[in-house]
Amino acid sequence: MSLSRFHLPAADWSAGVLRGEEAEHAARVLRKRAGDLIEIFDGSGRVAVAEITQVEKASLSFNLQSVDQHQRSGLPVHLIAPLIKGQAFEWMLEKAVELGAASVQPVITERCVVQLDGDQAEKKLVKWRRLMLESAKQCHTPFLPELHGIMRWDKVMKGDLSGGLNYIAALDEKRRAIPHQLGPGPRPAWVRLAIGPEGDFSAEEVDQALRAGFQAITLGPLILRAETAAIAGLAVLTHEARNVEA
């Protein structure tokens, strides 16, 4: 039976203490006691087996028994995801974690129904990061994807996108099938996939992406929901990215 897993940032490992929500979950919900073994992970590839030495109301002390450092195989794959309605976006985030995405960039596009800003956006980001953490713990990945702050599409397209392979899944643009081999040629630093909202990208948004160096791809002959398109694209690209040799 696998050990219960808890997240602790790398900078806090030396203290040997788990605090906050993770500690409360271990003590109150899972009823962990001194002598129990648990797993600690930092979200960047390091996973440890630890023995609990003391349990208090808001903290849990431990001694590390063994530590493994995992390396991400192949290329990191980053997702640019549109804001879509509540549960669908959260489902997409969960599956992005399970499929091994390195990061998720939420974007607001012209046809996004959901519009968030200010305090509302910050509250959502806190909720989404907690959800992604729970998904990472559930699937036992050693890597916790970074969730960036919400940005508008045009701002993302003006950022530094060089050095990797950029793909945009679009319905109405001349496009090729999603690649089954990420090559030949020089090894890119990463792969990035942009998915549109309900109603797809506008023509101007596609043009912005193409000017920024994105390649237009198709995810098949059918019109997919945004969350389905994201997962279909990630499934293929993360598989191919793992096979790229250093």
Protein backbone atom coordinates (compact mmCIF):
# COMPACT_ATOMS: atom_id res chain seq x y z
CA MET A 1 0.00 0.00 0.00
CA SER A 2 1.40 3.41 -0.94
CA LEU A 3 2.24 5.92 1.76
CA SER A 4 0.24 9.10 2.27
CA ARG A 5 1.99 11.97 0.52
CA PHE A 6 2.40 15.56 1.72
CA HIS A 7 3.85 18.62 0.05
CA LEU A 8 6.64 20.65 1.61
CA PRO A 9 8.67 23.27 -0.32
CA ALA A 10 12.35 22.40 -0.66
CA ALA A 11 13.45 25.37 1.47
CA ASP A 12 11.56 23.95 4.48
CA TRP A 13 12.89 20.40 4.44
CA SER A 14 15.85 21.02 6.74
CA ALA A 15 13.54 22.06 9.59
CA GLY A 16 11.87 18.65 9.60
CA VAL A 17 8.46 20.11 10.34
CA LEU A 18 5.23 20.02 8.36
CA ARG A 19 2.83 22.88 9.14
CA GLY A 20 -0.49 24.37 8.07
CA GLU A 21 -3.12 22.54 6.05
CA GLU A 22 -0.85 19.60 5.23
CA ALA A 23 -0.11 18.97 8.92
CA GLU A 24 -3.76 19.36 9.91
CA HIS A 25 -4.83 16.92 7.19
CA ALA A 26 -2.27 14.37 8.39
CA ALA A 27 -3.24 14.64 12.05
CA ARG A 28 -6.98 15.29 12.00
CA VAL A 29 -8.16 13.54 8.86
CA LEU A 30 -5.66 10.71 8.39
CA ARG A 31 -4.98 10.28 12.12
CA LYS A 32 -1.23 10.00 11.66
CA ARG A 33 0.77 9.29 14.79
CA ALA A 34 4.41 9.19 15.89
CA GLY A 35 6.14 6.22 14.28
CA ASP A 36 4.03 6.29 11.11
CA LEU A 37 5.77 6.54 7.76
CA ILE A 38 4.72 9.17 5.20
CA GLU A 39 6.04 10.59 1.95
CA ILE A 40 7.20 14.18 1.53
CA PHE A 41 7.62 15.79 -1.90
CA ASP A 42 8.77 19.25 -2.91
CA GLY A 43 7.07 19.41 -6.33
CA SER A 44 10.40 19.74 -8.15
CA GLY A 45 11.30 16.07 -8.30
CA ARG A 46 12.48 15.29 -4.78
CA VAL A 47 10.51 12.65 -2.84
CA ALA A 48 11.34 11.31 0.61
CA VAL A 49 10.11 8.66 3.01
CA ALA A 50 9.87 10.15 6.48
CA GLU A 51 9.03 8.86 9.95
CA ILE A 52 6.76 11.00 12.09
CA THR A 53 8.38 11.82 15.44
CA GLN A 54 5.79 14.15 16.96
CA VAL A 55 2.25 15.30 16.15
CA GLU A 56 0.87 18.56 17.50
CA LYS A 57 -2.26 20.58 16.77
CA ALA A 58 -0.82 22.59 13.87
CA SER A 59 2.46 20.86 13.10
CA LEU A 60 4.02 17.49 12.50
CA SER A 61 7.71 16.72 13.05
CA PHE A 62 9.55 14.06 11.07
CA ASN A 63 12.91 12.47 10.34
CA LEU A 64 13.85 11.71 6.76
CA GLN A 65 14.50 8.01 6.10
CA SER A 66 15.38 8.10 2.40
CA VAL A 67 15.38 10.69 -0.37
CA ASP A 68 15.01 10.19 -4.13
CA GLN A 69 15.63 12.90 -6.71
CA HIS A 70 13.62 12.40 -9.91
CA GLN A 71 14.54 14.04 -13.20
CA ARG A 72 11.91 15.07 -15.72
CA SER A 73 12.34 12.84 -18.76
CA GLY A 74 12.42 14.52 -22.16
CA LEU A 75 11.07 18.02 -22.67
CA PRO A 76 8.78 20.01 -20.36
CA VAL A 77 5.36 20.69 -21.88
CA HIS A 78 3.56 23.93 -21.01
CA LEU A 79 -0.16 24.56 -21.48
CA ILE A 80 -1.79 27.90 -22.33
CA ALA A 81 -5.41 27.40 -21.28
CA PRO A 82 -8.42 29.69 -21.72
CA LEU A 83 -10.67 30.55 -18.81
CA ILE A 84 -13.71 28.33 -19.23
CA LYS A 85 -16.64 27.70 -16.92
CA GLY A 86 -15.82 26.58 -13.37
CA GLN A 87 -15.83 22.82 -13.12
CA ALA A 88 -14.56 22.29 -16.66
CA PHE A 89 -11.49 24.46 -15.99
CA GLU A 90 -10.81 22.71 -12.70
CA TRP A 91 -11.13 19.30 -14.36
CA MET A 92 -8.67 20.44 -17.02
CA LEU A 93 -6.16 21.50 -14.35
CA GLU A 94 -6.43 18.13 -12.61
CA LYS A 95 -5.81 16.23 -15.82
CA ALA A 96 -2.94 18.52 -16.80
CA VAL A 97 -1.23 17.54 -13.55
CA GLU A 98 -1.87 13.84 -14.14
CA LEU A 99 -0.51 14.04 -17.68
CA GLY A 100 2.70 15.71 -16.57
CA ALA A 101 2.34 19.30 -17.76
CA ALA A 102 5.19 21.48 -16.49
CA SER A 103 3.07 24.61 -16.16
CA VAL A 104 -0.33 26.10 -16.94
CA GLN A 105 -0.85 29.68 -18.09
CA PRO A 106 -4.52 30.73 -17.75
CA VAL A 107 -5.46 33.30 -20.39
CA ILE A 108 -8.40 35.55 -21.18
CA THR A 109 -9.18 35.61 -24.88
CA GLU A 110 -11.68 37.60 -26.91
CA ARG A 111 -14.34 34.88 -26.74
CA CYS A 112 -13.84 33.79 -23.14
CA VAL A 113 -17.14 33.75 -21.28
CA VAL A 114 -15.36 33.86 -17.92
CA GLN A 115 -13.68 37.15 -17.02
CA LEU A 116 -11.71 37.44 -13.77
CA ASP A 117 -9.61 40.22 -12.34
CA GLY A 118 -8.35 41.64 -9.06
CA ASP A 119 -9.33 39.91 -5.83
CA GLN A 120 -11.59 37.46 -7.63
CA ALA A 121 -8.70 36.24 -9.76
CA GLU A 122 -6.39 35.86 -6.75
CA LYS A 123 -8.98 33.79 -4.88
CA LYS A 124 -9.39 31.53 -7.89
CA LEU A 125 -5.63 31.06 -8.20
CA VAL A 126 -5.41 30.00 -4.56
CA LYS A 127 -8.22 27.49 -5.10
CA TRP A 128 -6.73 26.17 -8.34
CA ARG A 129 -3.26 25.73 -6.85
CA ARG A 130 -4.75 23.76 -3.96
CA LEU A 131 -6.67 21.60 -6.43
CA MET A 132 -3.51 20.96 -8.49
CA LEU A 133 -1.62 20.01 -5.34
CA GLU A 134 -4.29 17.47 -4.40
CA SER A 135 -4.15 16.04 -7.91
CA ALA A 136 -0.35 15.74 -7.71
CA LYS A 137 -0.59 13.94 -4.38
CA GLN A 138 -3.28 11.60 -5.71
CA CYS A 139 -1.36 10.52 -8.81
CA HIS A 140 2.03 10.45 -7.02
CA THR A 141 3.86 12.59 -9.53
CA PRO A 142 7.11 14.04 -8.15
CA PHE A 143 6.45 17.26 -10.07
CA LEU A 144 3.91 19.97 -9.24
CA PRO A 145 3.14 22.11 -12.29
CA GLU A 146 3.49 25.85 -11.90
CA LEU A 147 0.23 27.78 -12.24
CA HIS A 148 0.92 31.27 -13.54
CA GLY A 149 -1.22 34.32 -12.89
CA ILE A 150 -4.09 35.04 -15.27
CA MET A 151 -3.04 37.09 -18.31
CA ARG A 152 -4.69 38.44 -21.42
CA TRP A 153 -3.87 36.61 -24.64
CA ASP A 154 -2.13 39.55 -26.31
CA LYS A 155 0.18 40.00 -23.31
CA VAL A 156 1.22 36.35 -23.44
CA MET A 157 1.95 36.63 -27.15
CA LYS A 158 4.24 39.60 -26.48
CA GLY A 159 6.33 37.62 -23.97
CA ASP A 160 9.55 35.72 -24.59
CA LEU A 161 8.43 32.62 -26.46
CA SER A 162 11.73 31.77 -28.14
CA GLY A 163 13.77 28.63 -27.62
CA GLY A 164 11.02 26.04 -27.79
CA LEU A 165 8.27 24.58 -29.95
CA ASN A 166 5.02 26.55 -29.84
CA TYR A 167 1.76 24.99 -31.06
CA ILE A 168 -1.71 26.50 -31.31
CA ALA A 169 -4.75 24.27 -31.80
CA ALA A 170 -7.12 26.23 -34.05
CA LEU A 171 -10.15 25.33 -36.13
CA ASP A 172 -10.07 27.76 -39.03
CA GLU A 173 -6.39 28.09 -39.84
CA LYS A 174 -4.22 26.15 -42.29
CA ARG A 175 -2.76 23.59 -39.99
CA ARG A 176 -1.05 20.25 -39.85
CA ALA A 177 -1.63 17.18 -37.73
CA ILE A 178 -0.18 17.21 -34.25
CA PRO A 179 3.40 15.96 -34.63
CA HIS A 180 4.18 12.36 -33.76
CA GLN A 181 7.87 13.13 -33.47
CA LEU A 182 9.32 16.32 -32.02
CA GLY A 183 12.19 16.63 -34.46
CA PRO A 184 14.37 16.50 -36.42
CA GLY A 185 16.63 19.46 -35.85
CA PRO A 186 18.12 21.08 -32.74
CA ARG A 187 16.62 19.96 -29.45
CA PRO A 188 14.12 22.60 -28.25
CA ALA A 189 14.09 23.69 -24.63
CA TRP A 190 10.39 22.96 -24.18
CA VAL A 191 7.03 22.48 -25.91
CA ARG A 192 4.08 24.84 -25.49
CA LEU A 193 0.45 24.17 -26.47
CA ALA A 194 -2.21 26.89 -26.69
CA ILE A 195 -5.89 25.92 -26.60
CA GLY A 196 -8.79 28.23 -27.46
CA PRO A 197 -12.06 28.81 -25.57
CA GLU A 198 -15.61 27.92 -26.54
CA GLY A 199 -16.00 29.43 -30.00
CA ASP A 200 -12.25 29.13 -30.69
CA PHE A 201 -9.69 31.88 -31.08
CA SER A 202 -10.52 34.96 -33.10
CA ALA A 203 -8.73 35.43 -36.42
CA GLU A 204 -6.63 38.22 -34.87
CA GLU A 205 -5.57 35.99 -31.98
CA VAL A 206 -4.48 33.23 -34.34
CA ASP A 207 -2.56 35.80 -36.37
CA GLN A 208 -0.85 37.06 -33.20
CA ALA A 209 0.22 33.51 -32.38
CA LEU A 210 1.56 32.83 -35.87
CA ARG A 211 3.54 36.08 -35.79
CA ALA A 212 4.95 35.02 -32.41
CA GLY A 213 6.25 31.77 -33.92
CA PHE A 214 3.45 29.34 -33.13
CA GLN A 215 2.64 26.51 -35.52
CA ALA A 216 -1.05 25.80 -36.12
CA ILE A 217 -2.10 22.19 -35.53
CA THR A 218 -5.32 20.21 -35.59
CA LEU A 219 -6.49 17.76 -32.94
CA GLY A 220 -8.67 15.84 -35.37
CA PRO A 221 -11.75 16.28 -37.55
CA LEU A 222 -14.23 16.86 -34.71
CA ILE A 223 -14.97 20.05 -32.78
CA LEU A 224 -13.79 19.41 -29.22
CA ARG A 225 -14.68 21.17 -26.01
CA ALA A 226 -11.83 23.33 -24.75
CA GLU A 227 -11.07 21.01 -21.84
CA THR A 228 -11.14 17.95 -24.10
CA ALA A 229 -8.83 19.63 -26.61
CA ALA A 230 -6.37 20.53 -23.87
CA ILE A 231 -6.16 16.98 -22.58
CA ALA A 232 -6.03 15.40 -26.04
CA GLY A 233 -3.19 17.71 -27.06
CA LEU A 234 -1.31 17.27 -23.80
CA ALA A 235 -1.60 13.49 -23.94
CA VAL A 236 0.11 13.36 -27.33
CA LEU A 237 2.71 16.04 -26.68
CA THR A 238 3.76 14.80 -23.23
CA HIS A 239 4.16 11.31 -24.68
CA GLU A 240 6.29 12.57 -27.56
CA ALA A 241 8.25 14.94 -25.32
CA ARG A 242 9.33 12.08 -23.06
CA ASN A 243 10.97 10.39 -26.04
CA VAL A 244 13.19 13.34 -26.95
CA GLU A 245 16.77 12.55 -26.03
CA ALA A 246 19.02 15.06 -24.32
